[in-house]
Amino acid sequence: MTNNLNYQQIYEEELSEHIKSSLELPSRFYELSHQQRMMIEELVDFGAREAIAQVLDPEVLQETAALAGEMGAQLYNFANMIQSQTDLDDDDRRVWPEHGDEGTT
């Protein structure tokens, strides 16, 4: 697991004081023994891996990728439709200007 997790913050801010006191653990992360810190770090790492594994279910990711591809194709077609409409509007302005006769056929 990458060390992007702030074990100290998780221990001091997320773990309830009730749990720490009932286990007779200190309130500060660096007051823990080396073995206790290692246990906390392993538990946090395991929880993070498990959460990622559940969120990044391969089947869900495949469905999400397919949906994203479909949405991208639809947006591309929509952009082309808008572009062609603005091109027609530009042509209409050139052929039928608001004032005067120039450009009429």
PDB file of N, CA and C in Angstrom:
ATOM      1  N   MET A   1       0.862  -1.181   0.000  1.00  0.00           N
ATOM      2  CA  MET A   1       0.000   0.000   0.000  1.00  0.00           C
ATOM      3  C   MET A   1       0.900   1.232   0.000  1.00  0.00           C
ATOM      4  N   THR A   2       0.527   2.234  -0.754  1.00  0.00           N
ATOM      5  CA  THR A   2       1.318   3.457  -0.750  1.00  0.00           C
ATOM      6  C   THR A   2       1.115   4.176   0.573  1.00  0.00           C
ATOM      7  N   ASN A   3       2.102   4.948   0.960  1.00  0.00           N
ATOM      8  CA  ASN A   3       2.039   5.651   2.242  1.00  0.00           C
ATOM      9  C   ASN A   3       1.366   7.007   2.123  1.00  0.00           C
ATOM     10  N   ASN A   4       0.279   7.089   1.365  1.00  0.00           N
ATOM     11  CA  ASN A   4      -0.478   8.327   1.268  1.00  0.00           C
ATOM     12  C   ASN A   4      -1.448   8.471   2.427  1.00  0.00           C
ATOM     13  N   LEU A   5      -1.545   7.446   3.255  1.00  0.00           N
ATOM     14  CA  LEU A   5      -2.448   7.480   4.395  1.00  0.00           C
ATOM     15  C   LEU A   5      -1.757   8.155   5.569  1.00  0.00           C
ATOM     16  N   ASN A   6      -2.480   8.974   6.276  1.00  0.00           N
ATOM     17  CA  ASN A   6      -1.939   9.642   7.455  1.00  0.00           C
ATOM     18  C   ASN A   6      -2.410   8.856   8.671  1.00  0.00           C
ATOM     19  N   TYR A   7      -1.587   7.887   9.074  1.00  0.00           N
ATOM     20  CA  TYR A   7      -1.955   7.007  10.187  1.00  0.00           C
ATOM     21  C   TYR A   7      -2.178   7.797  11.476  1.00  0.00           C
ATOM     22  N   GLN A   8      -1.345   8.790  11.682  1.00  0.00           N
ATOM     23  CA  GLN A   8      -1.473   9.600  12.895  1.00  0.00           C
ATOM     24  C   GLN A   8      -2.839  10.287  12.929  1.00  0.00           C
ATOM     25  N   GLN A   9      -3.224  10.897  11.833  1.00  0.00           N
ATOM     26  CA  GLN A   9      -4.512  11.595  11.777  1.00  0.00           C
ATOM     27  C   GLN A   9      -5.666  10.611  11.967  1.00  0.00           C
ATOM     28  N   ILE A  10      -5.590   9.466  11.328  1.00  0.00           N
ATOM     29  CA  ILE A  10      -6.655   8.468  11.464  1.00  0.00           C
ATOM     30  C   ILE A  10      -6.757   8.017  12.916  1.00  0.00           C
ATOM     31  N   TYR A  11      -5.622   7.722  13.532  1.00  0.00           N
ATOM     32  CA  TYR A  11      -5.633   7.248  14.919  1.00  0.00           C
ATOM     33  C   TYR A  11      -6.155   8.327  15.863  1.00  0.00           C
ATOM     34  N   GLU A  12      -5.643   9.537  15.715  1.00  0.00           N
ATOM     35  CA  GLU A  12      -5.968  10.596  16.679  1.00  0.00           C
ATOM     36  C   GLU A  12      -7.346  11.214  16.440  1.00  0.00           C
ATOM     37  N   GLU A  13      -7.813  11.269  15.187  1.00  0.00           N
ATOM     38  CA  GLU A  13      -9.072  11.961  14.906  1.00  0.00           C
ATOM     39  C   GLU A  13     -10.246  11.028  14.616  1.00  0.00           C
ATOM     40  N   GLU A  14      -9.971   9.858  14.090  1.00  0.00           N
ATOM     41  CA  GLU A  14     -11.061   8.975  13.686  1.00  0.00           C
ATOM     42  C   GLU A  14     -11.365   7.874  14.708  1.00  0.00           C
ATOM     43  N   LEU A  15     -10.365   7.404  15.388  1.00  0.00           N
ATOM     44  CA  LEU A  15     -10.571   6.378  16.403  1.00  0.00           C
ATOM     45  C   LEU A  15     -11.097   7.053  17.667  1.00  0.00           C
ATOM     46  N   SER A  16     -12.223   6.571  18.160  1.00  0.00           N
ATOM     47  CA  SER A  16     -12.872   7.258  19.284  1.00  0.00           C
ATOM     48  C   SER A  16     -12.034   7.154  20.562  1.00  0.00           C
ATOM     49  N   GLU A  17     -12.147   8.175  21.368  1.00  0.00           N
ATOM     50  CA  GLU A  17     -11.457   8.190  22.663  1.00  0.00           C
ATOM     51  C   GLU A  17     -11.954   7.049  23.544  1.00  0.00           C
ATOM     52  N   HIS A  18     -13.222   6.702  23.398  1.00  0.00           N
ATOM     53  CA  HIS A  18     -13.789   5.611  24.192  1.00  0.00           C
ATOM     54  C   HIS A  18     -13.045   4.297  23.897  1.00  0.00           C
ATOM     55  N   ILE A  19     -12.817   4.009  22.628  1.00  0.00           N
ATOM     56  CA  ILE A  19     -12.100   2.783  22.255  1.00  0.00           C
ATOM     57  C   ILE A  19     -10.673   2.825  22.784  1.00  0.00           C
ATOM     58  N   LYS A  20     -10.011   3.960  22.600  1.00  0.00           N
ATOM     59  CA  LYS A  20      -8.622   4.071  23.064  1.00  0.00           C
ATOM     60  C   LYS A  20      -8.540   3.877  24.573  1.00  0.00           C
ATOM     61  N   SER A  21      -9.437   4.511  25.317  1.00  0.00           N
ATOM     62  CA  SER A  21      -9.375   4.389  26.776  1.00  0.00           C
ATOM     63  C   SER A  21      -9.761   2.983  27.234  1.00  0.00           C
ATOM     64  N   SER A  22     -10.742   2.363  26.580  1.00  0.00           N
ATOM     65  CA  SER A  22     -11.133   1.016  27.003  1.00  0.00           C
ATOM     66  C   SER A  22     -10.036  -0.006  26.723  1.00  0.00           C
ATOM     67  N   LEU A  23      -9.201   0.249  25.708  1.00  0.00           N
ATOM     68  CA  LEU A  23      -8.066  -0.626  25.412  1.00  0.00           C
ATOM     69  C   LEU A  23      -6.785  -0.160  26.099  1.00  0.00           C
ATOM     70  N   GLU A  24      -6.925   0.907  26.887  1.00  0.00           N
ATOM     71  CA  GLU A  24      -5.796   1.508  27.593  1.00  0.00           C
ATOM     72  C   GLU A  24      -4.671   1.903  26.640  1.00  0.00           C
ATOM     73  N   LEU A  25      -5.090   2.527  25.538  1.00  0.00           N
ATOM     74  CA  LEU A  25      -4.135   3.040  24.558  1.00  0.00           C
ATOM     75  C   LEU A  25      -3.971   4.535  24.772  1.00  0.00           C
ATOM     76  N   PRO A  26      -2.805   5.079  24.468  1.00  0.00           N
ATOM     77  CA  PRO A  26      -2.611   6.526  24.602  1.00  0.00           C
ATOM     78  C   PRO A  26      -3.446   7.278  23.562  1.00  0.00           C
ATOM     79  N   SER A  27      -3.699   8.546  23.804  1.00  0.00           N
ATOM     80  CA  SER A  27      -4.514   9.330  22.873  1.00  0.00           C
ATOM     81  C   SER A  27      -3.709   9.790  21.654  1.00  0.00           C
ATOM     82  N   ARG A  28      -2.391   9.814  21.744  1.00  0.00           N
ATOM     83  CA  ARG A  28      -1.532  10.255  20.643  1.00  0.00           C
ATOM     84  C   ARG A  28      -0.881   9.063  19.946  1.00  0.00           C
ATOM     85  N   PHE A  29      -0.818   9.126  18.627  1.00  0.00           N
ATOM     86  CA  PHE A  29      -0.275   8.039  17.814  1.00  0.00           C
ATOM     87  C   PHE A  29       1.171   7.725  18.172  1.00  0.00           C
ATOM     88  N   TYR A  30       1.991   8.740  18.330  1.00  0.00           N
ATOM     89  CA  TYR A  30       3.417   8.494  18.568  1.00  0.00           C
ATOM     90  C   TYR A  30       3.720   8.137  20.016  1.00  0.00           C
ATOM     91  N   GLU A  31       2.691   8.054  20.846  1.00  0.00           N
ATOM     92  CA  GLU A  31       2.866   7.528  22.198  1.00  0.00           C
ATOM     93  C   GLU A  31       2.653   6.016  22.226  1.00  0.00           C
ATOM     94  N   LEU A  32       2.183   5.461  21.124  1.00  0.00           N
ATOM     95  CA  LEU A  32       2.040   4.010  21.013  1.00  0.00           C
ATOM     96  C   LEU A  32       3.408   3.359  20.912  1.00  0.00           C
ATOM     97  N   SER A  33       3.487   2.108  21.330  1.00  0.00           N
ATOM     98  CA  SER A  33       4.738   1.362  21.128  1.00  0.00           C
ATOM     99  C   SER A  33       4.887   1.090  19.627  1.00  0.00           C
ATOM    100  N   HIS A  34       6.075   0.715  19.226  1.00  0.00           N
ATOM    101  CA  HIS A  34       6.344   0.423  17.820  1.00  0.00           C
ATOM    102  C   HIS A  34       5.398  -0.679  17.314  1.00  0.00           C
ATOM    103  N   GLN A  35       5.204  -1.718  18.098  1.00  0.00           N
ATOM    104  CA  GLN A  35       4.336  -2.832  17.708  1.00  0.00           C
ATOM    105  C   GLN A  35       2.873  -2.371  17.578  1.00  0.00           C
ATOM    106  N   GLN A  36       2.435  -1.506  18.476  1.00  0.00           N
ATOM    107  CA  GLN A  36       1.067  -0.997  18.405  1.00  0.00           C
ATOM    108  C   GLN A  36       0.867  -0.137  17.154  1.00  0.00           C
ATOM    109  N   ARG A  37       1.875   0.691  16.839  1.00  0.00           N
ATOM    110  CA  ARG A  37       1.794   1.509  15.617  1.00  0.00           C
ATOM    111  C   ARG A  37       1.733   0.613  14.384  1.00  0.00           C
ATOM    112  N   MET A  38       2.547  -0.436  14.375  1.00  0.00           N
ATOM    113  CA  MET A  38       2.545  -1.359  13.239  1.00  0.00           C
ATOM    114  C   MET A  38       1.167  -2.020  13.085  1.00  0.00           C
ATOM    115  N   MET A  39       0.547  -2.385  14.201  1.00  0.00           N
ATOM    116  CA  MET A  39      -0.777  -3.001  14.149  1.00  0.00           C
ATOM    117  C   MET A  39      -1.801  -2.010  13.579  1.00  0.00           C
ATOM    118  N   ILE A  40      -1.770  -0.766  14.052  1.00  0.00           N
ATOM    119  CA  ILE A  40      -2.693   0.258  13.560  1.00  0.00           C
ATOM    120  C   ILE A  40      -2.477   0.472  12.059  1.00  0.00           C
ATOM    121  N   GLU A  41      -1.225   0.564  11.646  1.00  0.00           N
ATOM    122  CA  GLU A  41      -0.909   0.775  10.230  1.00  0.00           C
ATOM    123  C   GLU A  41      -1.401  -0.389   9.375  1.00  0.00           C
ATOM    124  N   GLU A  42      -1.204  -1.621   9.841  1.00  0.00           N
ATOM    125  CA  GLU A  42      -1.681  -2.778   9.085  1.00  0.00           C
ATOM    126  C   GLU A  42      -3.203  -2.801   8.992  1.00  0.00           C
ATOM    127  N   LEU A  43      -3.881  -2.471  10.083  1.00  0.00           N
ATOM    128  CA  LEU A  43      -5.339  -2.442  10.059  1.00  0.00           C
ATOM    129  C   LEU A  43      -5.859  -1.375   9.103  1.00  0.00           C
ATOM    130  N   VAL A  44      -5.239  -0.200   9.138  1.00  0.00           N
ATOM    131  CA  VAL A  44      -5.659   0.883   8.243  1.00  0.00           C
ATOM    132  C   VAL A  44      -5.388   0.493   6.789  1.00  0.00           C
ATOM    133  N   ASP A  45      -4.210  -0.077   6.523  1.00  0.00           N
ATOM    134  CA  ASP A  45      -3.874  -0.521   5.166  1.00  0.00           C
ATOM    135  C   ASP A  45      -4.855  -1.580   4.677  1.00  0.00           C
ATOM    136  N   PHE A  46      -5.176  -2.537   5.541  1.00  0.00           N
ATOM    137  CA  PHE A  46      -6.126  -3.576   5.164  1.00  0.00           C
ATOM    138  C   PHE A  46      -7.490  -2.970   4.843  1.00  0.00           C
ATOM    139  N   GLY A  47      -7.951  -2.068   5.686  1.00  0.00           N
ATOM    140  CA  GLY A  47      -9.238  -1.420   5.447  1.00  0.00           C
ATOM    141  C   GLY A  47      -9.256  -0.661   4.134  1.00  0.00           C
ATOM    142  N   ALA A  48      -8.167   0.029   3.837  1.00  0.00           N
ATOM    143  CA  ALA A  48      -8.086   0.795   2.590  1.00  0.00           C
ATOM    144  C   ALA A  48      -8.082  -0.148   1.381  1.00  0.00           C
ATOM    145  N   ARG A  49      -7.301  -1.218   1.448  1.00  0.00           N
ATOM    146  CA  ARG A  49      -7.270  -2.197   0.349  1.00  0.00           C
ATOM    147  C   ARG A  49      -8.644  -2.820   0.132  1.00  0.00           C
ATOM    148  N   GLU A  50      -9.299  -3.176   1.221  1.00  0.00           N
ATOM    149  CA  GLU A  50     -10.625  -3.798   1.127  1.00  0.00           C
ATOM    150  C   GLU A  50     -11.640  -2.834   0.520  1.00  0.00           C
ATOM    151  N   ALA A  51     -11.594  -1.580   0.940  1.00  0.00           N
ATOM    152  CA  ALA A  51     -12.517  -0.576   0.392  1.00  0.00           C
ATOM    153  C   ALA A  51     -12.271  -0.390  -1.097  1.00  0.00           C
ATOM    154  N   ILE A  52     -11.015  -0.314  -1.498  1.00  0.00           N
ATOM    155  CA  ILE A  52     -10.681  -0.149  -2.911  1.00  0.00           C
ATOM    156  C   ILE A  52     -11.125  -1.366  -3.712  1.00  0.00           C
ATOM    157  N   ALA A  53     -10.905  -2.558  -3.167  1.00  0.00           N
ATOM    158  CA  ALA A  53     -11.307  -3.783  -3.869  1.00  0.00           C
ATOM    159  C   ALA A  53     -12.814  -3.821  -4.078  1.00  0.00           C
ATOM    160  N   GLN A  54     -13.574  -3.372  -3.096  1.00  0.00           N
ATOM    161  CA  GLN A  54     -15.026  -3.381  -3.226  1.00  0.00           C
ATOM    162  C   GLN A  54     -15.508  -2.321  -4.206  1.00  0.00           C
ATOM    163  N   VAL A  55     -14.873  -1.167  -4.187  1.00  0.00           N
ATOM    164  CA  VAL A  55     -15.280  -0.075  -5.072  1.00  0.00           C
ATOM    165  C   VAL A  55     -14.842  -0.351  -6.512  1.00  0.00           C
ATOM    166  N   LEU A  56     -13.682  -0.950  -6.669  1.00  0.00           N
ATOM    167  CA  LEU A  56     -13.143  -1.180  -8.003  1.00  0.00           C
ATOM    168  C   LEU A  56     -13.415  -2.605  -8.476  1.00  0.00           C
ATOM    169  N   ASP A  57     -14.629  -3.058  -8.300  1.00  0.00           N
ATOM    170  CA  ASP A  57     -15.050  -4.367  -8.775  1.00  0.00           C
ATOM    171  C   ASP A  57     -14.852  -4.407 -10.292  1.00  0.00           C
ATOM    172  N   PRO A  58     -14.103  -5.389 -10.818  1.00  0.00           N
ATOM    173  CA  PRO A  58     -13.810  -5.431 -12.257  1.00  0.00           C
ATOM    174  C   PRO A  58     -15.064  -5.423 -13.132  1.00  0.00           C
ATOM    175  N   GLU A  59     -16.107  -6.105 -12.734  1.00  0.00           N
ATOM    176  CA  GLU A  59     -17.334  -6.124 -13.530  1.00  0.00           C
ATOM    177  C   GLU A  59     -17.958  -4.729 -13.589  1.00  0.00           C
ATOM    178  N   VAL A  60     -17.973  -4.050 -12.450  1.00  0.00           N
ATOM    179  CA  VAL A  60     -18.521  -2.693 -12.412  1.00  0.00           C
ATOM    180  C   VAL A  60     -17.658  -1.761 -13.256  1.00  0.00           C
ATOM    181  N   LEU A  61     -16.346  -1.934 -13.188  1.00  0.00           N
ATOM    182  CA  LEU A  61     -15.459  -1.092 -13.995  1.00  0.00           C
ATOM    183  C   LEU A  61     -15.680  -1.312 -15.484  1.00  0.00           C
ATOM    184  N   GLN A  62     -15.891  -2.559 -15.903  1.00  0.00           N
ATOM    185  CA  GLN A  62     -16.141  -2.833 -17.319  1.00  0.00           C
ATOM    186  C   GLN A  62     -17.437  -2.178 -17.777  1.00  0.00           C
ATOM    187  N   GLU A  63     -18.473  -2.275 -16.948  1.00  0.00           N
ATOM    188  CA  GLU A  63     -19.746  -1.641 -17.291  1.00  0.00           C
ATOM    189  C   GLU A  63     -19.598  -0.124 -17.343  1.00  0.00           C
ATOM    190  N   THR A  64     -18.825   0.421 -16.412  1.00  0.00           N
ATOM    191  CA  THR A  64     -18.603   1.872 -16.386  1.00  0.00           C
ATOM    192  C   THR A  64     -17.838   2.318 -17.625  1.00  0.00           C
ATOM    193  N   ALA A  65     -16.834   1.539 -18.027  1.00  0.00           N
ATOM    194  CA  ALA A  65     -16.056   1.874 -19.222  1.00  0.00           C
ATOM    195  C   ALA A  65     -16.935   1.838 -20.468  1.00  0.00           C
ATOM    196  N   ALA A  66     -17.805   0.830 -20.561  1.00  0.00           N
ATOM    197  CA  ALA A  66     -18.703   0.739 -21.715  1.00  0.00           C
ATOM    198  C   ALA A  66     -19.661   1.927 -21.747  1.00  0.00           C
ATOM    199  N   LEU A  67     -20.204   2.276 -20.603  1.00  0.00           N
ATOM    200  CA  LEU A  67     -21.114   3.419 -20.525  1.00  0.00           C
ATOM    201  C   LEU A  67     -20.393   4.714 -20.881  1.00  0.00           C
ATOM    202  N   ALA A  68     -19.170   4.874 -20.389  1.00  0.00           N
ATOM    203  CA  ALA A  68     -18.397   6.078 -20.700  1.00  0.00           C
ATOM    204  C   ALA A  68     -18.113   6.162 -22.197  1.00  0.00           C
ATOM    205  N   GLY A  69     -17.815   5.026 -22.829  1.00  0.00           N
ATOM    206  CA  GLY A  69     -17.584   5.016 -24.272  1.00  0.00           C
ATOM    207  C   GLY A  69     -18.828   5.411 -25.047  1.00  0.00           C
ATOM    208  N   GLU A  70     -19.976   4.874 -24.614  1.00  0.00           N
ATOM    209  CA  GLU A  70     -21.239   5.215 -25.263  1.00  0.00           C
ATOM    210  C   GLU A  70     -21.563   6.694 -25.092  1.00  0.00           C
ATOM    211  N   MET A  71     -21.350   7.210 -23.890  1.00  0.00           N
ATOM    212  CA  MET A  71     -21.615   8.628 -23.632  1.00  0.00           C
ATOM    213  C   MET A  71     -20.687   9.504 -24.467  1.00  0.00           C
ATOM    214  N   GLY A  72     -19.432   9.081 -24.596  1.00  0.00           N
ATOM    215  CA  GLY A  72     -18.487   9.839 -25.405  1.00  0.00           C
ATOM    216  C   GLY A  72     -18.918   9.903 -26.862  1.00  0.00           C
ATOM    217  N   ALA A  73     -19.397   8.769 -27.385  1.00  0.00           N
ATOM    218  CA  ALA A  73     -19.868   8.737 -28.777  1.00  0.00           C
ATOM    219  C   ALA A  73     -21.072   9.645 -28.955  1.00  0.00           C
ATOM    220  N   GLN A  74     -21.985   9.614 -27.997  1.00  0.00           N
ATOM    221  CA  GLN A  74     -23.166  10.469 -28.086  1.00  0.00           C
ATOM    222  C   GLN A  74     -22.784  11.945 -28.019  1.00  0.00           C
ATOM    223  N   LEU A  75     -21.845  12.292 -27.139  1.00  0.00           N
ATOM    224  CA  LEU A  75     -21.399  13.688 -27.056  1.00  0.00           C
ATOM    225  C   LEU A  75     -20.712  14.129 -28.348  1.00  0.00           C
ATOM    226  N   TYR A  76     -19.920  13.227 -28.931  1.00  0.00           N
ATOM    227  CA  TYR A  76     -19.245  13.530 -30.192  1.00  0.00           C
ATOM    228  C   TYR A  76     -20.279  13.812 -31.289  1.00  0.00           C
ATOM    229  N   ASN A  77     -21.298  12.951 -31.382  1.00  0.00           N
ATOM    230  CA  ASN A  77     -22.348  13.156 -32.385  1.00  0.00           C
ATOM    231  C   ASN A  77     -23.119  14.450 -32.122  1.00  0.00           C
ATOM    232  N   PHE A  78     -23.378  14.741 -30.866  1.00  0.00           N
ATOM    233  CA  PHE A  78     -24.078  15.970 -30.508  1.00  0.00           C
ATOM    234  C   PHE A  78     -23.242  17.190 -30.895  1.00  0.00           C
ATOM    235  N   ALA A  79     -21.945  17.139 -30.630  1.00  0.00           N
ATOM    236  CA  ALA A  79     -21.057  18.250 -30.996  1.00  0.00           C
ATOM    237  C   ALA A  79     -21.044  18.448 -32.509  1.00  0.00           C
ATOM    238  N   ASN A  80     -21.015  17.351 -33.266  1.00  0.00           N
ATOM    239  CA  ASN A  80     -21.048  17.456 -34.726  1.00  0.00           C
ATOM    240  C   ASN A  80     -22.359  18.062 -35.210  1.00  0.00           C
ATOM    241  N   MET A  81     -23.480  17.679 -34.574  1.00  0.00           N
ATOM    242  CA  MET A  81     -24.770  18.216 -34.951  1.00  0.00           C
ATOM    243  C   MET A  81     -24.806  19.732 -34.707  1.00  0.00           C
ATOM    244  N   ILE A  82     -24.310  20.148 -33.546  1.00  0.00           N
ATOM    245  CA  ILE A  82     -24.282  21.579 -33.232  1.00  0.00           C
ATOM    246  C   ILE A  82     -23.381  22.321 -34.210  1.00  0.00           C
ATOM    247  N   GLN A  83     -22.235  21.733 -34.509  1.00  0.00           N
ATOM    248  CA  GLN A  83     -21.305  22.372 -35.449  1.00  0.00           C
ATOM    249  C   GLN A  83     -21.935  22.513 -36.827  1.00  0.00           C
ATOM    250  N   SER A  84     -22.605  21.470 -37.281  1.00  0.00           N
ATOM    251  CA  SER A  84     -23.235  21.560 -38.606  1.00  0.00           C
ATOM    252  C   SER A  84     -24.354  22.598 -38.599  1.00  0.00           C
ATOM    253  N   GLN A  85     -25.072  22.718 -37.503  1.00  0.00           N
ATOM    254  CA  GLN A  85     -26.138  23.727 -37.401  1.00  0.00           C
ATOM    255  C   GLN A  85     -25.548  25.136 -37.424  1.00  0.00           C
ATOM    256  N   THR A  86     -24.446  25.342 -36.716  1.00  0.00           N
ATOM    257  CA  THR A  86     -23.836  26.680 -36.730  1.00  0.00           C
ATOM    258  C   THR A  86     -23.258  26.983 -38.102  1.00  0.00           C
ATOM    259  N   ASP A  87     -22.763  25.951 -38.809  1.00  0.00           N
ATOM    260  CA  ASP A  87     -22.282  26.170 -40.177  1.00  0.00           C
ATOM    261  C   ASP A  87     -23.440  26.570 -41.083  1.00  0.00           C
ATOM    262  N   LEU A  88     -24.608  25.929 -40.926  1.00  0.00           N
ATOM    263  CA  LEU A  88     -25.785  26.298 -41.716  1.00  0.00           C
ATOM    264  C   LEU A  88     -26.214  27.723 -41.409  1.00  0.00           C
ATOM    265  N   ASP A  89     -26.201  28.088 -40.128  1.00  0.00           N
ATOM    266  CA  ASP A  89     -26.568  29.445 -39.739  1.00  0.00           C
ATOM    267  C   ASP A  89     -25.636  30.457 -40.379  1.00  0.00           C
ATOM    268  N   ASP A  90     -24.336  30.145 -40.417  1.00  0.00           N
ATOM    269  CA  ASP A  90     -23.368  31.042 -41.055  1.00  0.00           C
ATOM    270  C   ASP A  90     -23.674  31.167 -42.547  1.00  0.00           C
ATOM    271  N   ASP A  91     -23.995  30.033 -43.192  1.00  0.00           N
ATOM    272  CA  ASP A  91     -24.326  30.060 -44.626  1.00  0.00           C
ATOM    273  C   ASP A  91     -25.592  30.872 -44.858  1.00  0.00           C
ATOM    274  N   ASP A  92     -26.602  30.713 -43.992  1.00  0.00           N
ATOM    275  CA  ASP A  92     -27.848  31.466 -44.128  1.00  0.00           C
ATOM    276  C   ASP A  92     -27.581  32.963 -44.038  1.00  0.00           C
ATOM    277  N   ARG A  93     -26.706  33.352 -43.159  1.00  0.00           N
ATOM    278  CA  ARG A  93     -26.408  34.786 -43.003  1.00  0.00           C
ATOM    279  C   ARG A  93     -25.714  35.326 -44.247  1.00  0.00           C
ATOM    280  N   ARG A  94     -24.879  34.486 -44.860  1.00  0.00           N
ATOM    281  CA  ARG A  94     -24.187  34.948 -46.057  1.00  0.00           C
ATOM    282  C   ARG A  94     -25.142  35.048 -47.248  1.00  0.00           C
ATOM    283  N   VAL A  95     -26.095  34.126 -47.322  1.00  0.00           N
ATOM    284  CA  VAL A  95     -26.994  34.104 -48.467  1.00  0.00           C
ATOM    285  C   VAL A  95     -28.101  35.130 -48.321  1.00  0.00           C
ATOM    286  N   TRP A  96     -28.655  35.251 -47.117  1.00  0.00           N
ATOM    287  CA  TRP A  96     -29.758  36.176 -46.883  1.00  0.00           C
ATOM    288  C   TRP A  96     -29.400  37.160 -45.779  1.00  0.00           C
ATOM    289  N   PRO A  97     -28.647  38.199 -46.097  1.00  0.00           N
ATOM    290  CA  PRO A  97     -28.288  39.175 -45.063  1.00  0.00           C
ATOM    291  C   PRO A  97     -29.520  39.945 -44.603  1.00  0.00           C
ATOM    292  N   GLU A  98     -29.425  40.494 -43.405  1.00  0.00           N
ATOM    293  CA  GLU A  98     -30.562  41.236 -42.842  1.00  0.00           C
ATOM    294  C   GLU A  98     -30.873  42.496 -43.646  1.00  0.00           C
ATOM    295  N   HIS A  99     -29.827  43.177 -44.120  1.00  0.00           N
ATOM    296  CA  HIS A  99     -30.035  44.461 -44.807  1.00  0.00           C
ATOM    297  C   HIS A  99     -29.480  44.378 -46.208  1.00  0.00           C
ATOM    298  N   GLY A 100     -30.216  44.852 -47.134  1.00  0.00           N
ATOM    299  CA  GLY A 100     -29.725  44.966 -48.517  1.00  0.00           C
ATOM    300  C   GLY A 100     -29.992  43.703 -49.324  1.00  0.00           C
ATOM    301  N   ASP A 101     -29.620  43.807 -50.621  1.00  0.00           N
ATOM    302  CA  ASP A 101     -29.878  42.727 -51.543  1.00  0.00           C
ATOM    303  C   ASP A 101     -28.677  41.836 -51.773  1.00  0.00           C
ATOM    304  N   GLU A 102     -27.490  42.275 -51.343  1.00  0.00           N
ATOM    305  CA  GLU A 102     -26.309  41.515 -51.722  1.00  0.00           C
ATOM    306  C   GLU A 102     -26.339  40.103 -51.160  1.00  0.00           C
ATOM    307  N   GLY A 103     -25.900  39.187 -51.947  1.00  0.00           N
ATOM    308  CA  GLY A 103     -25.799  37.795 -51.551  1.00  0.00           C
ATOM    309  C   GLY A 103     -27.061  36.989 -51.744  1.00  0.00           C
ATOM    310  N   THR A 104     -28.139  37.571 -52.224  1.00  0.00           N
ATOM    311  CA  THR A 104     -29.357  36.791 -52.428  1.00  0.00           C
ATOM    312  C   THR A 104     -29.265  36.056 -53.742  1.00  0.00           C
ATOM    313  N   THR A 105     -29.900  34.902 -53.807  1.00  0.00           N
ATOM    314  CA  THR A 105     -29.890  34.149 -55.064  1.00  0.00           C
ATOM    315  C   THR A 105     -31.281  33.929 -55.566  1.00  0.00           C
TER     316      THR A 105
END
